């Protein structure tokens, strides 16, 4: 009586090709996730820095007397003032009489990320000159 055999399943070569293809897809997905994570962190930092600069512009505008000169403070990731060693952002603002008009003064706010030595945000504002105090 002849022997009937049926070959079912995959060969070793087919399994190896499938594993290679799946590995390449997973590696590509991991690369995309890493890039997306870095983009999200960069966007979060940029947004926080811009909000911190806008906040300082509004603080200066709402003050009854503003001191001429440059000041800075150190802020954590949550935007709360902290000691220099624990800071994530450095916010520096300069108030000066405007060179373009005699009735206004200018406010410039810069926000830097600690450790990167680069400015992340910069905003300008104006306020009435009579609110300026001494330096």
N, C-alpha and C. Protein backbone atom coordinates (compact mmCIF):
# COMPACT_ATOMS: atom_id res chain seq x y z
N UNK A 1 0.83 -1.15 0.00
CA UNK A 1 0.00 0.00 0.00
C UNK A 1 0.90 1.25 0.00
N UNK A 2 0.60 2.20 -0.94
CA UNK A 2 1.44 3.39 -1.00
C UNK A 2 1.22 4.29 0.20
N UNK A 3 2.27 4.91 0.60
CA UNK A 3 2.22 5.79 1.77
C UNK A 3 1.80 7.20 1.33
N UNK A 4 0.81 7.77 1.96
CA UNK A 4 0.34 9.12 1.64
C UNK A 4 0.87 10.06 2.71
N UNK A 5 1.62 11.04 2.28
CA UNK A 5 2.11 12.06 3.22
C UNK A 5 1.66 13.42 2.73
N UNK A 6 1.29 14.21 3.64
CA UNK A 6 0.92 15.59 3.27
C UNK A 6 1.85 16.54 4.00
N UNK A 7 2.32 17.47 3.26
CA UNK A 7 3.23 18.46 3.84
C UNK A 7 2.42 19.69 4.22
N UNK A 8 2.27 19.93 5.49
CA UNK A 8 1.58 21.14 5.93
C UNK A 8 2.52 21.91 6.84
N UNK A 9 2.32 23.24 6.87
CA UNK A 9 3.17 24.08 7.69
C UNK A 9 4.12 24.89 6.83
N UNK A 10 5.09 25.50 7.47
CA UNK A 10 6.03 26.38 6.79
C UNK A 10 7.43 25.79 6.86
N UNK A 11 8.20 26.11 5.87
CA UNK A 11 9.60 25.68 5.88
C UNK A 11 10.40 26.64 6.74
N UNK A 12 11.57 26.23 7.10
CA UNK A 12 12.45 27.07 7.92
C UNK A 12 12.78 28.37 7.20
N UNK A 13 12.98 28.32 5.91
CA UNK A 13 13.31 29.53 5.13
C UNK A 13 12.14 30.52 5.17
N UNK A 14 10.92 30.02 5.05
CA UNK A 14 9.75 30.91 5.09
C UNK A 14 9.61 31.56 6.46
N UNK A 15 9.84 30.82 7.50
CA UNK A 15 9.76 31.37 8.86
C UNK A 15 10.83 32.45 9.06
N UNK A 16 12.03 32.20 8.58
CA UNK A 16 13.12 33.18 8.73
C UNK A 16 12.81 34.47 7.97
N UNK A 17 12.27 34.35 6.77
CA UNK A 17 11.90 35.54 6.00
C UNK A 17 10.81 36.32 6.73
N UNK A 18 9.81 35.63 7.26
CA UNK A 18 8.72 36.29 7.99
C UNK A 18 9.25 37.00 9.23
N UNK A 19 10.14 36.37 9.97
CA UNK A 19 10.72 36.99 11.17
C UNK A 19 11.53 38.23 10.79
N UNK A 20 12.28 38.16 9.71
CA UNK A 20 13.07 39.30 9.25
C UNK A 20 12.16 40.47 8.88
N UNK A 21 11.09 40.21 8.15
CA UNK A 21 10.16 41.28 7.76
C UNK A 21 9.48 41.91 8.97
N UNK A 22 9.03 41.09 9.90
CA UNK A 22 8.39 41.62 11.11
C UNK A 22 9.39 42.44 11.92
N UNK A 23 10.62 41.98 12.01
CA UNK A 23 11.65 42.73 12.75
C UNK A 23 11.90 44.09 12.13
N UNK A 24 11.92 44.15 10.80
CA UNK A 24 12.13 45.43 10.12
C UNK A 24 10.96 46.38 10.38
N UNK A 25 9.76 45.86 10.36
CA UNK A 25 8.58 46.69 10.64
C UNK A 25 8.61 47.22 12.08
N UNK A 26 8.95 46.38 13.02
CA UNK A 26 9.02 46.80 14.43
C UNK A 26 10.10 47.85 14.62
N UNK A 27 11.26 47.66 13.99
CA UNK A 27 12.35 48.65 14.11
C UNK A 27 11.91 49.99 13.54
N UNK A 28 11.20 49.97 12.42
CA UNK A 28 10.69 51.22 11.84
C UNK A 28 9.69 51.90 12.75
N UNK A 29 8.81 51.12 13.36
CA UNK A 29 7.82 51.69 14.28
C UNK A 29 8.49 52.30 15.51
N UNK A 30 9.53 51.64 16.02
CA UNK A 30 10.25 52.18 17.18
C UNK A 30 10.91 53.50 16.81
N UNK A 31 11.49 53.59 15.62
CA UNK A 31 12.09 54.83 15.16
C UNK A 31 11.07 55.95 15.06
N UNK A 32 9.90 55.64 14.53
CA UNK A 32 8.83 56.65 14.44
C UNK A 32 8.38 57.11 15.82
N UNK A 33 8.23 56.18 16.74
CA UNK A 33 7.81 56.54 18.09
C UNK A 33 8.86 57.41 18.79
N UNK A 34 10.13 57.12 18.57
CA UNK A 34 11.19 57.93 19.16
C UNK A 34 11.16 59.35 18.59
N UNK A 35 11.02 59.46 17.28
CA UNK A 35 10.94 60.79 16.65
C UNK A 35 9.72 61.56 17.14
N UNK A 36 8.59 60.88 17.24
CA UNK A 36 7.37 61.54 17.72
C UNK A 36 7.52 62.01 19.16
N UNK A 37 8.15 61.20 19.98
CA UNK A 37 8.38 61.57 21.38
C UNK A 37 9.27 62.80 21.49
N UNK A 38 10.32 62.86 20.69
CA UNK A 38 11.20 64.03 20.70
C UNK A 38 10.48 65.27 20.20
N UNK A 39 9.65 65.12 19.19
CA UNK A 39 8.89 66.26 18.67
C UNK A 39 7.89 66.78 19.70
N UNK A 40 7.26 65.87 20.42
CA UNK A 40 6.31 66.28 21.46
C UNK A 40 7.03 67.03 22.57
N UNK A 41 8.18 66.55 23.00
CA UNK A 41 8.95 67.22 24.06
C UNK A 41 9.41 68.60 23.61
N UNK A 42 9.87 68.70 22.39
CA UNK A 42 10.30 70.00 21.86
C UNK A 42 9.13 70.98 21.79
N UNK A 43 8.00 70.50 21.35
CA UNK A 43 6.80 71.34 21.28
C UNK A 43 6.35 71.78 22.66
N UNK A 44 6.40 70.88 23.62
CA UNK A 44 6.02 71.22 25.00
C UNK A 44 6.94 72.30 25.57
N UNK A 45 8.23 72.15 25.33
CA UNK A 45 9.20 73.13 25.81
C UNK A 45 8.96 74.49 25.17
N UNK A 46 8.74 74.51 23.86
CA UNK A 46 8.49 75.77 23.14
C UNK A 46 7.22 76.45 23.64
N UNK A 47 6.17 75.67 23.84
CA UNK A 47 4.90 76.23 24.31
C UNK A 47 5.04 76.79 25.72
N UNK A 48 5.69 76.05 26.60
CA UNK A 48 5.88 76.51 27.98
C UNK A 48 6.71 77.78 28.01
N UNK A 49 7.78 77.82 27.22
CA UNK A 49 8.63 79.02 27.18
C UNK A 49 7.86 80.23 26.68
N UNK A 50 7.06 80.05 25.66
CA UNK A 50 6.26 81.17 25.13
C UNK A 50 5.25 81.65 26.15
N UNK A 51 4.60 80.73 26.85
CA UNK A 51 3.65 81.13 27.89
C UNK A 51 4.33 81.85 29.05
N UNK A 52 5.54 81.41 29.41
CA UNK A 52 6.28 82.08 30.48
C UNK A 52 6.65 83.51 30.07
N UNK A 53 7.03 83.68 28.82
CA UNK A 53 7.36 85.03 28.33
C UNK A 53 6.12 85.92 28.32
N UNK A 54 5.01 85.39 27.85
CA UNK A 54 3.76 86.17 27.82
C UNK A 54 3.31 86.52 29.23
N UNK A 55 3.49 85.59 30.16
CA UNK A 55 3.12 85.85 31.56
C UNK A 55 3.93 87.02 32.12
N UNK A 56 5.23 87.05 31.85
CA UNK A 56 6.07 88.13 32.37
C UNK A 56 5.70 89.47 31.72
N UNK A 57 5.39 89.46 30.43
CA UNK A 57 4.94 90.70 29.76
C UNK A 57 3.70 91.24 30.48
N UNK A 58 2.76 90.38 30.78
CA UNK A 58 1.53 90.82 31.46
C UNK A 58 1.82 91.28 32.89
N UNK A 59 2.74 90.62 33.59
CA UNK A 59 3.11 91.06 34.94
C UNK A 59 3.69 92.47 34.90
N UNK A 60 4.57 92.72 33.94
CA UNK A 60 5.19 94.05 33.83
C UNK A 60 4.15 95.09 33.45
N UNK A 61 3.26 94.74 32.53
CA UNK A 61 2.21 95.70 32.12
C UNK A 61 1.26 96.04 33.28
N UNK A 62 1.00 95.07 34.15
CA UNK A 62 0.04 95.31 35.22
C UNK A 62 0.67 95.96 36.45
N UNK A 63 1.99 96.05 36.51
CA UNK A 63 2.66 96.68 37.66
C UNK A 63 2.41 98.18 37.64
N UNK A 64 2.27 98.78 38.83
CA UNK A 64 2.04 100.22 38.90
C UNK A 64 3.33 101.02 38.64
N UNK A 65 4.45 100.50 39.08
CA UNK A 65 5.75 101.11 38.80
C UNK A 65 6.68 100.01 38.31
N UNK A 66 7.38 100.28 37.23
CA UNK A 66 8.26 99.30 36.62
C UNK A 66 9.69 99.81 36.70
N UNK A 67 10.61 98.97 37.13
CA UNK A 67 12.00 99.35 37.27
C UNK A 67 12.74 99.16 35.94
N UNK A 68 13.48 100.18 35.55
CA UNK A 68 14.29 100.09 34.33
C UNK A 68 15.47 99.16 34.60
N UNK A 69 15.80 98.34 33.62
CA UNK A 69 16.95 97.45 33.76
C UNK A 69 16.62 96.03 33.33
N UNK A 70 17.57 95.15 33.57
CA UNK A 70 17.43 93.74 33.20
C UNK A 70 17.38 92.89 34.46
N UNK A 71 16.45 91.99 34.50
CA UNK A 71 16.28 91.07 35.63
C UNK A 71 16.11 89.66 35.07
N UNK A 72 16.25 88.66 35.94
CA UNK A 72 15.97 87.30 35.52
C UNK A 72 15.48 86.48 36.69
N UNK A 73 14.73 85.44 36.37
CA UNK A 73 14.33 84.48 37.38
C UNK A 73 14.47 83.08 36.81
N UNK A 74 14.40 82.10 37.71
CA UNK A 74 14.61 80.70 37.35
C UNK A 74 13.32 79.94 37.64
N UNK A 75 12.91 79.12 36.67
CA UNK A 75 11.62 78.47 36.76
C UNK A 75 11.75 76.97 36.51
N UNK A 76 10.92 76.21 37.19
CA UNK A 76 10.88 74.77 36.98
C UNK A 76 10.04 74.43 35.76
N UNK A 77 9.92 73.15 35.47
CA UNK A 77 9.16 72.69 34.32
C UNK A 77 7.69 73.10 34.41
N UNK A 78 7.20 73.26 35.64
CA UNK A 78 5.81 73.67 35.85
C UNK A 78 5.61 75.18 35.81
N UNK A 79 6.70 75.94 35.59
CA UNK A 79 6.59 77.39 35.50
C UNK A 79 6.66 78.11 36.83
N UNK A 80 6.89 77.39 37.91
CA UNK A 80 6.98 77.98 39.25
C UNK A 80 8.43 78.33 39.53
N UNK A 81 8.64 79.52 40.17
CA UNK A 81 10.00 79.93 40.50
C UNK A 81 10.66 78.91 41.41
N UNK A 82 11.94 78.67 41.14
CA UNK A 82 12.71 77.70 41.89
C UNK A 82 14.14 78.18 41.99
N UNK A 83 14.94 77.47 42.75
CA UNK A 83 16.35 77.83 42.86
C UNK A 83 17.07 77.50 41.56
N UNK A 84 18.17 78.19 41.33
CA UNK A 84 18.90 78.08 40.07
C UNK A 84 19.30 76.63 39.76
N UNK A 85 19.71 75.88 40.75
CA UNK A 85 20.19 74.51 40.53
C UNK A 85 19.09 73.57 40.03
N UNK A 86 17.84 73.87 40.34
CA UNK A 86 16.73 73.00 39.94
C UNK A 86 15.93 73.56 38.77
N UNK A 87 16.37 74.67 38.22
CA UNK A 87 15.60 75.35 37.18
C UNK A 87 15.66 74.61 35.85
N UNK A 88 14.55 74.69 35.13
CA UNK A 88 14.48 74.16 33.75
C UNK A 88 14.53 75.31 32.75
N UNK A 89 14.04 76.49 33.17
CA UNK A 89 14.01 77.67 32.31
C UNK A 89 14.66 78.85 33.03
N UNK A 90 15.29 79.72 32.27
CA UNK A 90 15.75 81.03 32.76
C UNK A 90 14.96 82.06 31.97
N UNK A 91 14.28 82.94 32.70
CA UNK A 91 13.49 83.99 32.06
C UNK A 91 14.16 85.33 32.35
N UNK A 92 14.55 86.05 31.31
CA UNK A 92 15.24 87.32 31.46
C UNK A 92 14.41 88.40 30.78
N UNK A 93 14.18 89.51 31.50
CA UNK A 93 13.41 90.60 30.91
C UNK A 93 14.14 91.92 31.10
N UNK A 94 13.98 92.77 30.09
CA UNK A 94 14.62 94.08 30.08
C UNK A 94 13.55 95.14 29.83
N UNK A 95 13.54 96.15 30.69
CA UNK A 95 12.64 97.29 30.53
C UNK A 95 13.50 98.51 30.26
N UNK A 96 13.16 99.24 29.19
CA UNK A 96 13.96 100.41 28.82
C UNK A 96 13.06 101.43 28.14
N UNK A 97 13.42 102.71 28.23
CA UNK A 97 12.68 103.71 27.45
C UNK A 97 12.77 103.36 25.97
N UNK A 98 11.68 103.54 25.27
CA UNK A 98 11.65 103.21 23.84
C UNK A 98 12.46 104.21 23.04
N UNK A 99 13.20 103.73 22.06
CA UNK A 99 13.98 104.64 21.22
C UNK A 99 13.10 105.24 20.13
N UNK A 100 11.93 104.66 19.87
CA UNK A 100 11.09 105.11 18.77
C UNK A 100 10.11 106.22 19.15
N UNK A 101 9.79 106.33 20.44
CA UNK A 101 8.83 107.34 20.86
C UNK A 101 9.15 107.78 22.28
N UNK A 102 8.72 108.96 22.62
CA UNK A 102 9.00 109.47 23.97
C UNK A 102 7.90 109.13 24.96
N UNK A 103 6.80 108.55 24.51
CA UNK A 103 5.69 108.28 25.41
C UNK A 103 5.60 106.82 25.85
N UNK A 104 6.43 105.96 25.31
CA UNK A 104 6.34 104.53 25.63
C UNK A 104 7.70 103.99 26.06
N UNK A 105 7.65 102.89 26.75
CA UNK A 105 8.87 102.15 27.07
C UNK A 105 8.71 100.73 26.53
N UNK A 106 9.83 100.06 26.33
CA UNK A 106 9.77 98.72 25.76
C UNK A 106 10.09 97.67 26.81
N UNK A 107 9.50 96.51 26.63
CA UNK A 107 9.76 95.35 27.49
C UNK A 107 10.15 94.21 26.56
N UNK A 108 11.27 93.60 26.86
CA UNK A 108 11.74 92.44 26.09
C UNK A 108 11.91 91.28 27.05
N UNK A 109 11.27 90.16 26.75
CA UNK A 109 11.37 88.96 27.60
C UNK A 109 11.96 87.83 26.76
N UNK A 110 13.01 87.21 27.30
CA UNK A 110 13.64 86.06 26.66
C UNK A 110 13.55 84.88 27.62
N UNK A 111 13.30 83.70 27.08
CA UNK A 111 13.26 82.49 27.90
C UNK A 111 14.26 81.50 27.30
N UNK A 112 15.14 81.00 28.16
CA UNK A 112 16.17 80.05 27.77
C UNK A 112 15.91 78.72 28.46
N UNK A 113 16.30 77.63 27.80
CA UNK A 113 16.24 76.31 28.42
C UNK A 113 17.60 76.06 29.06
N UNK A 114 17.60 75.70 30.33
CA UNK A 114 18.85 75.45 31.06
C UNK A 114 19.57 74.27 30.41
N UNK A 115 20.86 74.44 30.19
CA UNK A 115 21.68 73.37 29.64
C UNK A 115 21.77 73.35 28.13
N UNK A 116 20.89 74.06 27.45
CA UNK A 116 20.93 74.07 25.98
C UNK A 116 21.58 75.35 25.43
N UNK A 117 21.71 76.36 26.28
CA UNK A 117 22.32 77.63 25.88
C UNK A 117 21.71 78.21 24.61
N UNK A 118 20.41 78.11 24.51
CA UNK A 118 19.74 78.73 23.37
C UNK A 118 18.41 79.31 23.83
N UNK A 119 18.06 80.41 23.18
CA UNK A 119 16.80 81.07 23.49
C UNK A 119 15.67 80.30 22.83
N UNK A 120 14.64 80.03 23.60
CA UNK A 120 13.49 79.28 23.09
C UNK A 120 12.34 80.21 22.74
N UNK A 121 12.22 81.31 23.48
CA UNK A 121 11.13 82.25 23.21
C UNK A 121 11.61 83.67 23.45
N UNK A 122 11.05 84.60 22.70
CA UNK A 122 11.36 86.02 22.88
C UNK A 122 10.11 86.81 22.51
N UNK A 123 9.66 87.66 23.43
CA UNK A 123 8.49 88.50 23.18
C UNK A 123 8.83 89.95 23.52
N UNK A 124 8.15 90.86 22.85
CA UNK A 124 8.32 92.29 23.10
C UNK A 124 6.97 92.89 23.47
N UNK A 125 7.01 93.92 24.29
CA UNK A 125 5.80 94.63 24.66
C UNK A 125 6.12 96.09 24.91
N UNK A 126 5.08 96.89 25.07
CA UNK A 126 5.25 98.32 25.37
C UNK A 126 4.38 98.68 26.55
N UNK A 127 4.77 99.75 27.24
CA UNK A 127 3.96 100.29 28.33
C UNK A 127 4.20 101.79 28.42
N UNK A 128 3.30 102.52 29.05
CA UNK A 128 3.46 103.97 29.15
C UNK A 128 4.74 104.34 29.89
N UNK A 129 5.43 105.35 29.41
CA UNK A 129 6.71 105.75 29.97
C UNK A 129 6.58 106.26 31.40
N UNK A 130 5.47 106.87 31.76
CA UNK A 130 5.33 107.43 33.11
C UNK A 130 5.32 106.38 34.21
N UNK A 131 5.19 105.11 33.86
CA UNK A 131 5.20 104.05 34.88
C UNK A 131 6.60 103.56 35.20
N UNK A 132 7.60 104.07 34.51
CA UNK A 132 8.97 103.64 34.77
C UNK A 132 9.50 104.25 36.05
N UNK A 133 10.18 103.42 36.82
CA UNK A 133 10.86 103.89 38.02
C UNK A 133 12.35 104.00 37.74
N UNK A 134 13.15 104.14 38.78
CA UNK A 134 14.59 104.20 38.62
C UNK A 134 15.17 102.83 38.37
N UNK A 135 16.48 102.78 38.13
CA UNK A 135 17.11 101.50 37.87
C UNK A 135 17.60 100.83 39.11
